Amino acid sequence: MPYDWEHPVPLFSRRKELAVQSFMLKVVNNHCQELEALAEGPRLEGRVRLTVVVLVIPVEDGRPAITQLFAAVTKEFSTSGVSLVLNEPRSLDHVILGLRHEGGLHFVHAKAKHLNPMGAGFYQLGLQLTKMVQTGDYPELEAIRF
């Protein structure tokens, strides 16, 4: 291929690309589930990294506090738990999560297990999923649109 004198490619541009690729590989490997398992010890259940938007409805006095509803993104899922990324620490014991699935909004009750800082003002909230919530049990959930 002839050299393009009008649009020369710097000699070191490929080296810079390789440096970026090497750095990104280190970041990805640093967050690899298999490597995390070595540090944390074996988990009883596998987890899947999945990022979706969920609605978080705090539960107060056994009822959904609709006025305190907020959105968050998930980090990981298992069949019995989910972790959320929050932009501030929130004191939550019990919540109802609203998740979109197959064209509808489904609700799941969850109990907070841990809240850990991630850095830069973000927090990871670990939740144990306890039961499905029917809108008939809490009619105020029917008004929620997502």
N, C-alpha and C. Protein backbone atom coordinates (compact mmCIF):
# COMPACT_ATOMS: atom_id res chain seq x y z
N MET A 1 0.85 -1.18 0.00
CA MET A 1 0.00 0.00 0.00
C MET A 1 0.89 1.24 0.00
N PRO A 2 0.65 2.16 -0.93
CA PRO A 2 1.51 3.35 -1.01
C PRO A 2 1.28 4.28 0.17
N TYR A 3 2.31 5.00 0.53
CA TYR A 3 2.23 5.95 1.63
C TYR A 3 1.38 7.14 1.23
N ASP A 4 0.48 7.57 2.11
CA ASP A 4 -0.41 8.71 1.85
C ASP A 4 0.26 9.97 2.38
N TRP A 5 0.91 10.72 1.46
CA TRP A 5 1.65 11.92 1.85
C TRP A 5 0.74 13.04 2.31
N GLU A 6 -0.53 13.04 1.88
CA GLU A 6 -1.46 14.10 2.29
C GLU A 6 -2.01 13.86 3.69
N HIS A 7 -2.11 12.61 4.09
CA HIS A 7 -2.65 12.26 5.42
C HIS A 7 -1.71 11.28 6.10
N PRO A 8 -0.54 11.76 6.48
CA PRO A 8 0.44 10.84 7.06
C PRO A 8 -0.04 10.32 8.42
N VAL A 9 0.28 9.07 8.68
CA VAL A 9 -0.03 8.45 9.97
C VAL A 9 1.23 8.51 10.81
N PRO A 10 1.14 9.12 11.97
CA PRO A 10 2.35 9.19 12.82
C PRO A 10 2.87 7.79 13.13
N LEU A 11 4.17 7.70 13.19
CA LEU A 11 4.83 6.44 13.43
C LEU A 11 4.40 5.81 14.75
N PHE A 12 4.12 6.64 15.75
CA PHE A 12 3.82 6.12 17.08
C PHE A 12 2.33 5.95 17.36
N SER A 13 1.46 6.20 16.37
CA SER A 13 0.02 6.09 16.62
C SER A 13 -0.38 4.66 16.96
N ARG A 14 0.22 3.67 16.31
CA ARG A 14 -0.10 2.27 16.61
C ARG A 14 0.33 1.92 18.03
N ARG A 15 1.47 2.44 18.45
CA ARG A 15 1.97 2.19 19.80
C ARG A 15 1.00 2.79 20.83
N LYS A 16 0.44 3.96 20.52
CA LYS A 16 -0.54 4.58 21.43
C LYS A 16 -1.81 3.75 21.51
N GLU A 17 -2.25 3.21 20.36
CA GLU A 17 -3.42 2.33 20.35
C GLU A 17 -3.18 1.11 21.21
N LEU A 18 -2.01 0.52 21.09
CA LEU A 18 -1.68 -0.67 21.87
C LEU A 18 -1.65 -0.34 23.36
N ALA A 19 -1.17 0.85 23.72
CA ALA A 19 -1.14 1.25 25.13
C ALA A 19 -2.56 1.37 25.68
N VAL A 20 -3.47 1.93 24.89
CA VAL A 20 -4.87 2.04 25.32
C VAL A 20 -5.48 0.65 25.45
N GLN A 21 -5.24 -0.20 24.48
CA GLN A 21 -5.79 -1.56 24.53
C GLN A 21 -5.25 -2.33 25.73
N SER A 22 -3.99 -2.18 26.02
CA SER A 22 -3.39 -2.85 27.16
C SER A 22 -4.01 -2.36 28.47
N PHE A 23 -4.21 -1.05 28.57
CA PHE A 23 -4.83 -0.49 29.77
C PHE A 23 -6.26 -1.01 29.94
N MET A 24 -7.04 -1.00 28.86
CA MET A 24 -8.43 -1.46 28.95
C MET A 24 -8.49 -2.94 29.32
N LEU A 25 -7.58 -3.74 28.82
CA LEU A 25 -7.53 -5.14 29.18
C LEU A 25 -7.27 -5.30 30.68
N LYS A 26 -6.40 -4.49 31.23
CA LYS A 26 -6.13 -4.53 32.67
C LYS A 26 -7.38 -4.15 33.46
N VAL A 27 -8.11 -3.12 33.02
CA VAL A 27 -9.34 -2.71 33.70
C VAL A 27 -10.36 -3.84 33.68
N VAL A 28 -10.56 -4.44 32.52
CA VAL A 28 -11.53 -5.53 32.38
C VAL A 28 -11.11 -6.72 33.25
N ASN A 29 -9.85 -7.10 33.19
CA ASN A 29 -9.37 -8.22 33.99
C ASN A 29 -9.50 -7.94 35.48
N ASN A 30 -9.32 -6.70 35.89
CA ASN A 30 -9.43 -6.32 37.29
C ASN A 30 -10.86 -6.49 37.80
N HIS A 31 -11.84 -6.47 36.90
CA HIS A 31 -13.25 -6.60 37.28
C HIS A 31 -13.84 -7.94 36.83
N CYS A 32 -12.98 -8.87 36.51
CA CYS A 32 -13.39 -10.19 36.04
C CYS A 32 -13.97 -11.00 37.20
N GLN A 33 -15.13 -11.63 36.98
CA GLN A 33 -15.79 -12.40 38.03
C GLN A 33 -14.91 -13.52 38.56
N GLU A 34 -14.18 -14.19 37.69
CA GLU A 34 -13.34 -15.30 38.13
C GLU A 34 -12.24 -14.81 39.06
N LEU A 35 -11.65 -13.66 38.75
CA LEU A 35 -10.60 -13.12 39.61
C LEU A 35 -11.18 -12.60 40.92
N GLU A 36 -12.38 -11.98 40.88
CA GLU A 36 -13.02 -11.51 42.10
C GLU A 36 -13.33 -12.68 43.02
N ALA A 37 -13.73 -13.80 42.46
CA ALA A 37 -14.06 -14.98 43.26
C ALA A 37 -12.83 -15.47 44.03
N LEU A 38 -11.65 -15.34 43.46
CA LEU A 38 -10.44 -15.75 44.17
C LEU A 38 -10.23 -14.88 45.40
N ALA A 39 -10.52 -13.60 45.31
CA ALA A 39 -10.33 -12.69 46.43
C ALA A 39 -11.42 -12.83 47.47
N GLU A 40 -12.68 -13.00 47.04
CA GLU A 40 -13.82 -13.03 47.95
C GLU A 40 -14.13 -14.42 48.46
N GLY A 41 -13.63 -15.44 47.81
CA GLY A 41 -14.00 -16.80 48.17
C GLY A 41 -15.18 -17.24 47.32
N PRO A 42 -15.45 -18.54 47.34
CA PRO A 42 -16.52 -19.05 46.47
C PRO A 42 -17.90 -18.54 46.89
N ARG A 43 -18.73 -18.30 45.91
CA ARG A 43 -20.11 -17.89 46.16
C ARG A 43 -21.01 -19.11 46.01
N LEU A 44 -22.09 -19.09 46.75
CA LEU A 44 -23.03 -20.20 46.67
C LEU A 44 -23.75 -20.22 45.34
N GLU A 45 -23.89 -19.07 44.72
CA GLU A 45 -24.65 -18.97 43.48
C GLU A 45 -23.91 -18.06 42.51
N GLY A 46 -23.90 -18.43 41.25
CA GLY A 46 -23.26 -17.61 40.23
C GLY A 46 -24.02 -16.32 40.01
N ARG A 47 -23.31 -15.34 39.52
CA ARG A 47 -23.91 -14.04 39.23
C ARG A 47 -23.65 -13.67 37.78
N VAL A 48 -24.56 -12.89 37.25
CA VAL A 48 -24.46 -12.43 35.88
C VAL A 48 -24.39 -10.91 35.89
N ARG A 49 -23.40 -10.38 35.21
CA ARG A 49 -23.32 -8.92 35.09
C ARG A 49 -24.35 -8.50 34.05
N LEU A 50 -25.26 -7.66 34.49
CA LEU A 50 -26.33 -7.20 33.62
C LEU A 50 -26.74 -5.81 34.07
N THR A 51 -26.74 -4.87 33.15
CA THR A 51 -27.09 -3.50 33.46
C THR A 51 -28.44 -3.17 32.85
N VAL A 52 -29.43 -2.98 33.71
CA VAL A 52 -30.76 -2.54 33.29
C VAL A 52 -31.24 -1.48 34.26
N VAL A 53 -32.14 -0.65 33.80
CA VAL A 53 -32.73 0.37 34.66
C VAL A 53 -33.87 -0.27 35.45
N VAL A 54 -33.91 0.02 36.76
CA VAL A 54 -34.98 -0.47 37.62
C VAL A 54 -35.55 0.70 38.40
N LEU A 55 -36.79 0.55 38.80
CA LEU A 55 -37.39 1.50 39.73
C LEU A 55 -37.21 0.95 41.13
N VAL A 56 -36.86 1.81 42.05
CA VAL A 56 -36.66 1.41 43.45
C VAL A 56 -37.69 2.17 44.28
N ILE A 57 -38.54 1.40 44.96
CA ILE A 57 -39.59 1.99 45.78
C ILE A 57 -39.32 1.58 47.23
N PRO A 58 -38.89 2.53 48.07
CA PRO A 58 -38.68 2.18 49.48
C PRO A 58 -39.99 1.69 50.11
N VAL A 59 -39.85 0.78 51.08
CA VAL A 59 -41.00 0.28 51.82
C VAL A 59 -40.92 0.86 53.23
N GLU A 60 -41.98 1.55 53.64
CA GLU A 60 -42.05 2.13 54.97
C GLU A 60 -43.33 1.66 55.64
N ASP A 61 -43.21 1.19 56.85
CA ASP A 61 -44.36 0.67 57.61
C ASP A 61 -45.14 -0.36 56.80
N GLY A 62 -44.40 -1.18 56.05
CA GLY A 62 -45.02 -2.26 55.29
C GLY A 62 -45.72 -1.85 54.01
N ARG A 63 -45.61 -0.58 53.61
CA ARG A 63 -46.27 -0.08 52.41
C ARG A 63 -45.24 0.56 51.47
N PRO A 64 -45.47 0.49 50.16
CA PRO A 64 -44.56 1.18 49.23
C PRO A 64 -44.68 2.69 49.38
N ALA A 65 -43.54 3.35 49.53
CA ALA A 65 -43.49 4.81 49.63
C ALA A 65 -43.30 5.37 48.21
N ILE A 66 -44.40 5.46 47.49
CA ILE A 66 -44.37 5.86 46.07
C ILE A 66 -43.71 7.23 45.87
N THR A 67 -43.90 8.15 46.80
CA THR A 67 -43.34 9.49 46.64
C THR A 67 -41.81 9.49 46.74
N GLN A 68 -41.22 8.40 47.22
CA GLN A 68 -39.77 8.31 47.36
C GLN A 68 -39.14 7.44 46.26
N LEU A 69 -39.93 7.06 45.28
CA LEU A 69 -39.48 6.23 44.17
C LEU A 69 -38.29 6.89 43.46
N PHE A 70 -37.32 6.10 43.05
CA PHE A 70 -36.21 6.61 42.25
C PHE A 70 -35.73 5.51 41.31
N ALA A 71 -34.98 5.89 40.32
CA ALA A 71 -34.44 4.94 39.34
C ALA A 71 -32.98 4.65 39.69
N ALA A 72 -32.56 3.44 39.35
CA ALA A 72 -31.17 3.03 39.54
C ALA A 72 -30.82 2.07 38.41
N VAL A 73 -29.55 1.71 38.33
CA VAL A 73 -29.13 0.69 37.37
C VAL A 73 -28.58 -0.51 38.13
N THR A 74 -28.78 -1.68 37.54
CA THR A 74 -28.27 -2.89 38.16
C THR A 74 -26.81 -3.10 37.79
N LYS A 75 -26.15 -3.88 38.61
CA LYS A 75 -24.75 -4.25 38.33
C LYS A 75 -24.66 -5.75 38.07
N GLU A 76 -25.26 -6.53 38.97
CA GLU A 76 -25.22 -7.99 38.86
C GLU A 76 -26.56 -8.58 39.28
N PHE A 77 -26.85 -9.76 38.74
CA PHE A 77 -28.06 -10.51 39.10
C PHE A 77 -27.68 -11.93 39.46
N SER A 78 -28.46 -12.51 40.35
CA SER A 78 -28.50 -13.95 40.56
C SER A 78 -29.98 -14.29 40.70
N THR A 79 -30.30 -15.55 40.87
CA THR A 79 -31.72 -15.89 41.01
C THR A 79 -32.28 -15.42 42.34
N SER A 80 -31.42 -15.14 43.31
CA SER A 80 -31.92 -14.73 44.62
C SER A 80 -31.47 -13.33 45.03
N GLY A 81 -30.77 -12.63 44.16
CA GLY A 81 -30.29 -11.31 44.54
C GLY A 81 -29.94 -10.44 43.35
N VAL A 82 -29.74 -9.16 43.67
CA VAL A 82 -29.36 -8.19 42.66
C VAL A 82 -28.53 -7.11 43.36
N SER A 83 -27.59 -6.54 42.65
CA SER A 83 -26.88 -5.38 43.18
C SER A 83 -27.20 -4.18 42.30
N LEU A 84 -27.39 -3.05 42.96
CA LEU A 84 -27.72 -1.80 42.28
C LEU A 84 -26.58 -0.81 42.44
N VAL A 85 -26.43 0.08 41.49
CA VAL A 85 -25.50 1.19 41.60
C VAL A 85 -26.33 2.43 41.91
N LEU A 86 -26.01 3.06 43.05
CA LEU A 86 -26.71 4.26 43.49
C LEU A 86 -25.76 5.45 43.46
N ASN A 87 -26.30 6.65 43.23
CA ASN A 87 -25.46 7.83 43.18
C ASN A 87 -25.34 8.54 44.53
N GLU A 88 -25.89 7.91 45.58
CA GLU A 88 -25.76 8.43 46.95
C GLU A 88 -26.09 7.30 47.91
N PRO A 89 -25.56 7.35 49.13
CA PRO A 89 -25.92 6.30 50.08
C PRO A 89 -27.37 6.50 50.51
N ARG A 90 -28.13 5.45 50.52
CA ARG A 90 -29.54 5.52 50.92
C ARG A 90 -29.77 4.49 52.01
N SER A 91 -30.47 4.93 53.04
CA SER A 91 -30.81 4.04 54.14
C SER A 91 -32.08 3.28 53.77
N LEU A 92 -31.91 2.10 53.24
CA LEU A 92 -33.04 1.29 52.78
C LEU A 92 -32.96 -0.09 53.44
N ASP A 93 -34.02 -0.49 54.09
CA ASP A 93 -34.06 -1.85 54.64
C ASP A 93 -34.80 -2.78 53.70
N HIS A 94 -35.97 -2.33 53.24
CA HIS A 94 -36.80 -3.12 52.33
C HIS A 94 -37.21 -2.22 51.17
N VAL A 95 -37.25 -2.80 49.98
CA VAL A 95 -37.67 -2.05 48.79
C VAL A 95 -38.52 -2.95 47.91
N ILE A 96 -39.23 -2.32 47.01
CA ILE A 96 -39.89 -3.02 45.92
C ILE A 96 -39.22 -2.54 44.65
N LEU A 97 -38.73 -3.48 43.85
CA LEU A 97 -38.10 -3.15 42.58
C LEU A 97 -39.10 -3.30 41.46
N GLY A 98 -39.13 -2.34 40.57
CA GLY A 98 -39.95 -2.42 39.36
C GLY A 98 -39.05 -2.71 38.18
N LEU A 99 -39.30 -3.84 37.51
CA LEU A 99 -38.50 -4.24 36.36
C LEU A 99 -39.39 -4.45 35.15
N ARG A 100 -38.95 -3.94 34.02
CA ARG A 100 -39.67 -4.18 32.77
C ARG A 100 -39.32 -5.56 32.24
N HIS A 101 -40.37 -6.29 31.83
CA HIS A 101 -40.14 -7.60 31.25
C HIS A 101 -41.33 -7.98 30.39
N GLU A 102 -41.06 -8.39 29.16
CA GLU A 102 -42.08 -8.83 28.22
C GLU A 102 -43.24 -7.84 28.11
N GLY A 103 -42.90 -6.58 27.98
CA GLY A 103 -43.90 -5.55 27.76
C GLY A 103 -44.65 -5.08 29.00
N GLY A 104 -44.31 -5.61 30.16
CA GLY A 104 -45.01 -5.21 31.38
C GLY A 104 -44.04 -4.82 32.47
N LEU A 105 -44.59 -4.25 33.52
CA LEU A 105 -43.81 -3.85 34.69
C LEU A 105 -44.09 -4.87 35.79
N HIS A 106 -43.04 -5.48 36.30
CA HIS A 106 -43.16 -6.51 37.33
C HIS A 106 -42.48 -6.01 38.59
N PHE A 107 -43.02 -6.41 39.74
CA PHE A 107 -42.51 -5.92 41.02
C PHE A 107 -41.99 -7.07 41.86
N VAL A 108 -40.86 -6.82 42.53
CA VAL A 108 -40.21 -7.81 43.38
C VAL A 108 -39.84 -7.15 44.71
N HIS A 109 -40.18 -7.79 45.81
CA HIS A 109 -39.78 -7.30 47.13
C HIS A 109 -38.35 -7.74 47.39
N ALA A 110 -37.56 -6.88 48.01
CA ALA A 110 -36.16 -7.20 48.30
C ALA A 110 -35.75 -6.61 49.64
N LYS A 111 -34.81 -7.29 50.26
CA LYS A 111 -34.26 -6.87 51.55
C LYS A 111 -32.80 -6.47 51.35
N ALA A 112 -32.42 -5.31 51.89
CA ALA A 112 -31.05 -4.84 51.76
C ALA A 112 -30.11 -5.71 52.58
N LYS A 113 -28.98 -6.08 51.97
CA LYS A 113 -27.96 -6.89 52.64
C LYS A 113 -26.69 -6.10 52.94
N HIS A 114 -26.32 -5.21 52.03
CA HIS A 114 -25.11 -4.40 52.25
C HIS A 114 -25.15 -3.16 51.36
N LEU A 115 -24.41 -2.16 51.79
CA LEU A 115 -24.23 -0.92 51.03
C LEU A 115 -22.75 -0.59 51.09
N ASN A 116 -22.08 -0.64 49.95
CA ASN A 116 -20.63 -0.44 49.91
C ASN A 116 -20.27 0.71 48.97
N PRO A 117 -19.34 1.57 49.40
CA PRO A 117 -18.88 2.63 48.50
C PRO A 117 -18.10 2.05 47.33
N MET A 118 -18.31 2.62 46.14
CA MET A 118 -17.60 2.19 44.95
C MET A 118 -16.53 3.21 44.54
N GLY A 119 -16.67 4.43 45.04
CA GLY A 119 -15.78 5.51 44.67
C GLY A 119 -16.52 6.56 43.87
N ALA A 120 -16.00 7.77 43.88
CA ALA A 120 -16.55 8.90 43.12
C ALA A 120 -18.02 9.18 43.45
N GLY A 121 -18.43 8.84 44.67
CA GLY A 121 -19.80 9.13 45.09
C GLY A 121 -20.83 8.08 44.74
N PHE A 122 -20.40 6.94 44.20
CA PHE A 122 -21.33 5.86 43.87
C PHE A 122 -21.27 4.77 44.93
N TYR A 123 -22.40 4.07 45.08
CA TYR A 123 -22.52 3.01 46.08
C TYR A 123 -23.16 1.78 45.45
N GLN A 124 -22.76 0.62 45.94
CA GLN A 124 -23.37 -0.63 45.50
C GLN A 124 -24.27 -1.12 46.63
N LEU A 125 -25.55 -1.29 46.29
CA LEU A 125 -26.53 -1.81 47.24
C LEU A 125 -26.83 -3.25 46.88
N GLY A 126 -26.53 -4.17 47.78
CA GLY A 126 -26.81 -5.58 47.57
C GLY A 126 -28.17 -5.92 48.15
N LEU A 127 -29.02 -6.54 47.35
CA LEU A 127 -30.39 -6.86 47.77
C LEU A 127 -30.65 -8.36 47.64
N GLN A 128 -31.34 -8.90 48.63
CA GLN A 128 -31.82 -10.28 48.57
C GLN A 128 -33.27 -10.22 48.11
N LEU A 129 -33.58 -10.92 47.02
CA LEU A 129 -34.94 -10.93 46.48
C LEU A 129 -35.77 -11.91 47.30
N THR A 130 -36.94 -11.46 47.79
CA THR A 130 -37.71 -12.31 48.71
C THR A 130 -39.01 -12.83 48.13
N LYS A 131 -39.72 -12.01 47.32
CA LYS A 131 -41.00 -12.49 46.77
C LYS A 131 -41.48 -11.56 45.66
N MET A 132 -42.33 -12.11 44.81
CA MET A 132 -43.00 -11.31 43.79
C MET A 132 -44.09 -10.49 44.48
N VAL A 133 -44.32 -9.29 43.98
CA VAL A 133 -45.34 -8.41 44.55
C VAL A 133 -46.42 -8.21 43.49
N GLN A 134 -47.65 -8.46 43.86
CA GLN A 134 -48.80 -8.28 42.96
C GLN A 134 -49.38 -6.89 43.16
N THR A 135 -49.75 -6.24 42.06
CA THR A 135 -50.32 -4.89 42.18
C THR A 135 -51.64 -4.92 42.95
N GLY A 136 -52.31 -6.05 42.97
CA GLY A 136 -53.54 -6.16 43.75
C GLY A 136 -53.29 -6.00 45.23
N ASP A 137 -52.08 -6.37 45.69
CA ASP A 137 -51.73 -6.21 47.11
C ASP A 137 -51.46 -4.76 47.46
N TYR A 138 -50.98 -4.00 46.50
CA TYR A 138 -50.66 -2.59 46.70
C TYR A 138 -51.17 -1.81 45.48
N PRO A 139 -52.44 -1.41 45.48
CA PRO A 139 -53.02 -0.73 44.31
C PRO A 139 -52.26 0.51 43.86
N GLU A 140 -51.52 1.13 44.76
CA GLU A 140 -50.75 2.35 44.39
C GLU A 140 -49.67 2.03 43.35
N LEU A 141 -49.28 0.78 43.24
CA LEU A 141 -48.27 0.40 42.26
C LEU A 141 -48.82 0.46 40.83
N GLU A 142 -50.12 0.32 40.68
CA GLU A 142 -50.73 0.32 39.35
C GLU A 142 -50.55 1.65 38.62
N ALA A 143 -50.38 2.75 39.36
CA ALA A 143 -50.25 4.06 38.74
C ALA A 143 -48.84 4.33 38.21
N ILE A 144 -47.89 3.48 38.54
CA ILE A 144 -46.50 3.70 38.14
C ILE A 144 -46.32 3.38 36.66
N ARG A 145 -45.70 4.30 35.95
CA ARG A 145 -45.38 4.13 34.53
C ARG A 145 -43.88 4.19 34.38
N PHE A 146 -43.37 3.31 33.53
CA PHE A 146 -41.91 3.17 33.40
C PHE A 146 -41.60 2.93 31.94
